[in-house]
Amino acid sequence: MLSVLFTADGDTEGRGTTTPGGRLVFHVFAAVVEFIREPIVQGTDEGLDVARAAAPDSAARRR
């Protein structure tokens, strides 16, 4: 998708983060990444808890 935004018609003139439209696209992508980060962190924490409970003497427990 980014390649379509930045390579349409073969140029990138006016499509960077220096234009209002470019800043909008950048902020939309940043918001999506921030939104998706929470479930990833939650799943990682749950997985680590399960691993620690399954092997209490493992290296995962010592960290």
PDB file of N, CA and C in Angstrom:
ATOM      1  N   MET A   1       0.808  -1.183   0.000  1.00  0.00           N
ATOM      2  CA  MET A   1       0.000   0.000   0.000  1.00  0.00           C
ATOM      3  C   MET A   1       0.859   1.258   0.000  1.00  0.00           C
ATOM      4  N   LEU A   2       1.942   1.256   0.786  1.00  0.00           N
ATOM      5  CA  LEU A   2       2.819   2.418   0.783  1.00  0.00           C
ATOM      6  C   LEU A   2       3.437   2.647  -0.582  1.00  0.00           C
ATOM      7  N   SER A   3       3.765   1.571  -1.285  1.00  0.00           N
ATOM      8  CA  SER A   3       4.374   1.747  -2.598  1.00  0.00           C
ATOM      9  C   SER A   3       3.409   2.428  -3.554  1.00  0.00           C
ATOM     10  N   VAL A   4       2.131   2.164  -3.413  1.00  0.00           N
ATOM     11  CA  VAL A   4       1.135   2.830  -4.264  1.00  0.00           C
ATOM     12  C   VAL A   4       1.076   4.315  -3.934  1.00  0.00           C
ATOM     13  N   LEU A   5       1.158   4.646  -2.653  1.00  0.00           N
ATOM     14  CA  LEU A   5       1.088   6.045  -2.256  1.00  0.00           C
ATOM     15  C   LEU A   5       2.302   6.835  -2.717  1.00  0.00           C
ATOM     16  N   PHE A   6       3.453   6.209  -2.711  1.00  0.00           N
ATOM     17  CA  PHE A   6       4.679   6.950  -2.972  1.00  0.00           C
ATOM     18  C   PHE A   6       5.258   6.756  -4.362  1.00  0.00           C
ATOM     19  N   THR A   7       4.706   5.837  -5.155  1.00  0.00           N
ATOM     20  CA  THR A   7       5.266   5.649  -6.494  1.00  0.00           C
ATOM     21  C   THR A   7       4.234   5.826  -7.596  1.00  0.00           C
ATOM     22  N   ALA A   8       3.060   6.323  -7.292  1.00  0.00           N
ATOM     23  CA  ALA A   8       2.062   6.562  -8.325  1.00  0.00           C
ATOM     24  C   ALA A   8       2.611   7.580  -9.321  1.00  0.00           C
ATOM     25  N   ASP A   9       2.472   7.308 -10.574  1.00  0.00           N
ATOM     26  CA  ASP A   9       2.952   8.164 -11.660  1.00  0.00           C
ATOM     27  C   ASP A   9       4.467   8.311 -11.678  1.00  0.00           C
ATOM     28  N   GLY A  10       5.177   7.506 -10.938  1.00  0.00           N
ATOM     29  CA  GLY A  10       6.634   7.488 -11.004  1.00  0.00           C
ATOM     30  C   GLY A  10       7.343   8.589 -10.242  1.00  0.00           C
ATOM     31  N   ASP A  11       6.630   9.459  -9.545  1.00  0.00           N
ATOM     32  CA  ASP A  11       7.319  10.504  -8.795  1.00  0.00           C
ATOM     33  C   ASP A  11       6.797  10.547  -7.369  1.00  0.00           C
ATOM     34  N   THR A  12       7.565  11.195  -6.521  1.00  0.00           N
ATOM     35  CA  THR A  12       7.146  11.336  -5.122  1.00  0.00           C
ATOM     36  C   THR A  12       6.969  12.805  -4.773  1.00  0.00           C
ATOM     37  N   GLU A  13       6.942  13.656  -5.757  1.00  0.00           N
ATOM     38  CA  GLU A  13       6.790  15.092  -5.532  1.00  0.00           C
ATOM     39  C   GLU A  13       5.494  15.385  -4.779  1.00  0.00           C
ATOM     40  N   GLY A  14       5.601  16.024  -3.627  1.00  0.00           N
ATOM     41  CA  GLY A  14       4.426  16.420  -2.881  1.00  0.00           C
ATOM     42  C   GLY A  14       3.761  15.303  -2.093  1.00  0.00           C
ATOM     43  N   ARG A  15       4.407  14.169  -1.941  1.00  0.00           N
ATOM     44  CA  ARG A  15       3.787  13.066  -1.221  1.00  0.00           C
ATOM     45  C   ARG A  15       4.529  12.698   0.057  1.00  0.00           C
ATOM     46  N   GLY A  16       5.471  13.487   0.456  1.00  0.00           N
ATOM     47  CA  GLY A  16       6.227  13.183   1.664  1.00  0.00           C
ATOM     48  C   GLY A  16       5.523  13.693   2.905  1.00  0.00           C
ATOM     49  N   THR A  17       6.240  13.711   4.003  1.00  0.00           N
ATOM     50  CA  THR A  17       5.656  14.171   5.261  1.00  0.00           C
ATOM     51  C   THR A  17       5.711  15.685   5.386  1.00  0.00           C
ATOM     52  N   THR A  18       6.148  16.374   4.342  1.00  0.00           N
ATOM     53  CA  THR A  18       6.189  17.830   4.381  1.00  0.00           C
ATOM     54  C   THR A  18       4.877  18.451   3.925  1.00  0.00           C
ATOM     55  N   THR A  19       3.968  17.671   3.390  1.00  0.00           N
ATOM     56  CA  THR A  19       2.676  18.184   2.947  1.00  0.00           C
ATOM     57  C   THR A  19       1.587  17.764   3.931  1.00  0.00           C
ATOM     58  N   PRO A  20       0.502  18.491   3.970  1.00  0.00           N
ATOM     59  CA  PRO A  20      -0.589  18.103   4.869  1.00  0.00           C
ATOM     60  C   PRO A  20      -1.108  16.692   4.596  1.00  0.00           C
ATOM     61  N   GLY A  21      -1.240  16.325   3.334  1.00  0.00           N
ATOM     62  CA  GLY A  21      -1.709  14.975   2.999  1.00  0.00           C
ATOM     63  C   GLY A  21      -0.731  13.903   3.442  1.00  0.00           C
ATOM     64  N   GLY A  22       0.548  14.164   3.278  1.00  0.00           N
ATOM     65  CA  GLY A  22       1.567  13.210   3.706  1.00  0.00           C
ATOM     66  C   GLY A  22       1.586  13.030   5.208  1.00  0.00           C
ATOM     67  N   ARG A  23       1.428  14.146   5.920  1.00  0.00           N
ATOM     68  CA  ARG A  23       1.379  14.056   7.386  1.00  0.00           C
ATOM     69  C   ARG A  23       0.140  13.300   7.837  1.00  0.00           C
ATOM     70  N   LEU A  24      -0.986  13.501   7.154  1.00  0.00           N
ATOM     71  CA  LEU A  24      -2.209  12.781   7.500  1.00  0.00           C
ATOM     72  C   LEU A  24      -2.015  11.278   7.341  1.00  0.00           C
ATOM     73  N   VAL A  25      -1.442  10.869   6.214  1.00  0.00           N
ATOM     74  CA  VAL A  25      -1.210   9.440   5.978  1.00  0.00           C
ATOM     75  C   VAL A  25      -0.275   8.880   7.047  1.00  0.00           C
ATOM     76  N   PHE A  26       0.780   9.612   7.359  1.00  0.00           N
ATOM     77  CA  PHE A  26       1.725   9.170   8.380  1.00  0.00           C
ATOM     78  C   PHE A  26       1.030   8.990   9.722  1.00  0.00           C
ATOM     79  N   HIS A  27       0.188   9.939  10.114  1.00  0.00           N
ATOM     80  CA  HIS A  27      -0.496   9.859  11.401  1.00  0.00           C
ATOM     81  C   HIS A  27      -1.545   8.748  11.422  1.00  0.00           C
ATOM     82  N   VAL A  28      -2.191   8.501  10.306  1.00  0.00           N
ATOM     83  CA  VAL A  28      -3.157   7.394  10.254  1.00  0.00           C
ATOM     84  C   VAL A  28      -2.437   6.068  10.469  1.00  0.00           C
ATOM     85  N   PHE A  29      -1.319   5.867   9.774  1.00  0.00           N
ATOM     86  CA  PHE A  29      -0.559   4.627   9.959  1.00  0.00           C
ATOM     87  C   PHE A  29      -0.050   4.505  11.393  1.00  0.00           C
ATOM     88  N   ALA A  30       0.401   5.602  11.990  1.00  0.00           N
ATOM     89  CA  ALA A  30       0.877   5.570  13.375  1.00  0.00           C
ATOM     90  C   ALA A  30      -0.251   5.191  14.329  1.00  0.00           C
ATOM     91  N   ALA A  31      -1.450   5.697  14.073  1.00  0.00           N
ATOM     92  CA  ALA A  31      -2.595   5.365  14.932  1.00  0.00           C
ATOM     93  C   ALA A  31      -2.953   3.889  14.817  1.00  0.00           C
ATOM     94  N   VAL A  32      -2.893   3.353  13.609  1.00  0.00           N
ATOM     95  CA  VAL A  32      -3.200   1.927  13.411  1.00  0.00           C
ATOM     96  C   VAL A  32      -2.177   1.069  14.145  1.00  0.00           C
ATOM     97  N   VAL A  33      -0.910   1.425  14.032  1.00  0.00           N
ATOM     98  CA  VAL A  33       0.141   0.657  14.704  1.00  0.00           C
ATOM     99  C   VAL A  33      -0.041   0.724  16.217  1.00  0.00           C
ATOM    100  N   GLU A  34      -0.364   1.884  16.743  1.00  0.00           N
ATOM    101  CA  GLU A  34      -0.580   2.014  18.183  1.00  0.00           C
ATOM    102  C   GLU A  34      -1.774   1.182  18.632  1.00  0.00           C
ATOM    103  N   PHE A  35      -2.820   1.152  17.824  1.00  0.00           N
ATOM    104  CA  PHE A  35      -4.016   0.386  18.149  1.00  0.00           C
ATOM    105  C   PHE A  35      -3.720  -1.115  18.159  1.00  0.00           C
ATOM    106  N   ILE A  36      -2.914  -1.581  17.217  1.00  0.00           N
ATOM    107  CA  ILE A  36      -2.637  -3.014  17.085  1.00  0.00           C
ATOM    108  C   ILE A  36      -1.590  -3.484  18.102  1.00  0.00           C
ATOM    109  N   ARG A  37      -0.811  -2.565  18.636  1.00  0.00           N
ATOM    110  CA  ARG A  37       0.250  -2.926  19.573  1.00  0.00           C
ATOM    111  C   ARG A  37      -0.307  -3.564  20.843  1.00  0.00           C
ATOM    112  N   GLU A  38      -1.398  -3.054  21.366  1.00  0.00           N
ATOM    113  CA  GLU A  38      -1.952  -3.550  22.631  1.00  0.00           C
ATOM    114  C   GLU A  38      -2.272  -5.048  22.609  1.00  0.00           C
ATOM    115  N   PRO A  39      -3.007  -5.570  21.610  1.00  0.00           N
ATOM    116  CA  PRO A  39      -3.270  -7.014  21.614  1.00  0.00           C
ATOM    117  C   PRO A  39      -1.992  -7.849  21.475  1.00  0.00           C
ATOM    118  N   ILE A  40      -0.996  -7.313  20.772  1.00  0.00           N
ATOM    119  CA  ILE A  40       0.263  -8.047  20.623  1.00  0.00           C
ATOM    120  C   ILE A  40       0.968  -8.143  21.967  1.00  0.00           C
ATOM    121  N   VAL A  41       1.040  -7.043  22.696  1.00  0.00           N
ATOM    122  CA  VAL A  41       1.681  -7.037  24.015  1.00  0.00           C
ATOM    123  C   VAL A  41       0.924  -7.950  24.972  1.00  0.00           C
ATOM    124  N   GLN A  42      -0.390  -7.870  24.939  1.00  0.00           N
ATOM    125  CA  GLN A  42      -1.206  -8.710  25.822  1.00  0.00           C
ATOM    126  C   GLN A  42      -0.976 -10.194  25.523  1.00  0.00           C
ATOM    127  N   GLY A  43      -0.958 -10.570  24.246  1.00  0.00           N
ATOM    128  CA  GLY A  43      -0.730 -11.966  23.882  1.00  0.00           C
ATOM    129  C   GLY A  43       0.656 -12.443  24.278  1.00  0.00           C
ATOM    130  N   THR A  44       1.640 -11.571  24.132  1.00  0.00           N
ATOM    131  CA  THR A  44       3.001 -11.925  24.523  1.00  0.00           C
ATOM    132  C   THR A  44       3.087 -12.149  26.032  1.00  0.00           C
ATOM    133  N   ASP A  45       2.484 -11.246  26.794  1.00  0.00           N
ATOM    134  CA  ASP A  45       2.497 -11.399  28.254  1.00  0.00           C
ATOM    135  C   ASP A  45       1.789 -12.676  28.692  1.00  0.00           C
ATOM    136  N   GLU A  46       0.658 -12.980  28.069  1.00  0.00           N
ATOM    137  CA  GLU A  46      -0.064 -14.210  28.410  1.00  0.00           C
ATOM    138  C   GLU A  46       0.767 -15.448  28.080  1.00  0.00           C
ATOM    139  N   GLY A  47       1.428 -15.426  26.941  1.00  0.00           N
ATOM    140  CA  GLY A  47       2.274 -16.550  26.559  1.00  0.00           C
ATOM    141  C   GLY A  47       3.436 -16.747  27.509  1.00  0.00           C
ATOM    142  N   LEU A  48       4.044 -15.634  27.940  1.00  0.00           N
ATOM    143  CA  LEU A  48       5.139 -15.738  28.907  1.00  0.00           C
ATOM    144  C   LEU A  48       4.649 -16.273  30.249  1.00  0.00           C
ATOM    145  N   ASP A  49       3.463 -15.855  30.666  1.00  0.00           N
ATOM    146  CA  ASP A  49       2.901 -16.375  31.916  1.00  0.00           C
ATOM    147  C   ASP A  49       2.659 -17.877  31.839  1.00  0.00           C
ATOM    148  N   VAL A  50       2.136 -18.348  30.719  1.00  0.00           N
ATOM    149  CA  VAL A  50       1.894 -19.781  30.532  1.00  0.00           C
ATOM    150  C   VAL A  50       3.218 -20.543  30.551  1.00  0.00           C
ATOM    151  N   ALA A  51       4.227 -20.010  29.873  1.00  0.00           N
ATOM    152  CA  ALA A  51       5.530 -20.678  29.831  1.00  0.00           C
ATOM    153  C   ALA A  51       6.162 -20.733  31.217  1.00  0.00           C
ATOM    154  N   ARG A  52       6.030 -19.655  31.964  1.00  0.00           N
ATOM    155  CA  ARG A  52       6.598 -19.637  33.319  1.00  0.00           C
ATOM    156  C   ARG A  52       5.883 -20.621  34.236  1.00  0.00           C
ATOM    157  N   ALA A  53       4.574 -20.733  34.077  1.00  0.00           N
ATOM    158  CA  ALA A  53       3.813 -21.658  34.916  1.00  0.00           C
ATOM    159  C   ALA A  53       4.112 -23.110  34.565  1.00  0.00           C
ATOM    160  N   ALA A  54       4.398 -23.383  33.302  1.00  0.00           N
ATOM    161  CA  ALA A  54       4.646 -24.758  32.856  1.00  0.00           C
ATOM    162  C   ALA A  54       6.027 -25.252  33.277  1.00  0.00           C
ATOM    163  N   ALA A  55       6.988 -24.359  33.379  1.00  0.00           N
ATOM    164  CA  ALA A  55       8.358 -24.758  33.724  1.00  0.00           C
ATOM    165  C   ALA A  55       8.921 -23.759  34.737  1.00  0.00           C
ATOM    166  N   PRO A  56       8.584 -23.906  35.992  1.00  0.00           N
ATOM    167  CA  PRO A  56       8.999 -22.913  36.984  1.00  0.00           C
ATOM    168  C   PRO A  56      10.508 -22.802  37.175  1.00  0.00           C
ATOM    169  N   ASP A  57      11.270 -23.817  36.838  1.00  0.00           N
ATOM    170  CA  ASP A  57      12.721 -23.761  37.023  1.00  0.00           C
ATOM    171  C   ASP A  57      13.461 -23.414  35.736  1.00  0.00           C
ATOM    172  N   SER A  58      12.753 -22.979  34.715  1.00  0.00           N
ATOM    173  CA  SER A  58      13.385 -22.689  33.423  1.00  0.00           C
ATOM    174  C   SER A  58      14.063 -21.333  33.419  1.00  0.00           C
ATOM    175  N   ALA A  59      14.777 -21.066  32.368  1.00  0.00           N
ATOM    176  CA  ALA A  59      15.467 -19.778  32.207  1.00  0.00           C
ATOM    177  C   ALA A  59      14.467 -18.647  32.078  1.00  0.00           C
ATOM    178  N   ALA A  60      13.270 -18.899  31.552  1.00  0.00           N
ATOM    179  CA  ALA A  60      12.252 -17.855  31.415  1.00  0.00           C
ATOM    180  C   ALA A  60      11.851 -17.306  32.775  1.00  0.00           C
ATOM    181  N   ARG A  61      11.891 -18.152  33.778  1.00  0.00           N
ATOM    182  CA  ARG A  61      11.504 -17.739  35.123  1.00  0.00           C
ATOM    183  C   ARG A  61      12.561 -16.839  35.747  1.00  0.00           C
ATOM    184  N   ARG A  62      13.825 -17.018  35.388  1.00  0.00           N
ATOM    185  CA  ARG A  62      14.913 -16.249  35.991  1.00  0.00           C
ATOM    186  C   ARG A  62      15.045 -14.851  35.432  1.00  0.00           C
ATOM    187  N   ARG A  63      14.353 -14.531  34.350  1.00  0.00           N
ATOM    188  CA  ARG A  63      14.507 -13.187  33.743  1.00  0.00           C
ATOM    189  C   ARG A  63      13.705 -12.160  34.467  1.00  0.00           C
TER     190      ARG A  63
END
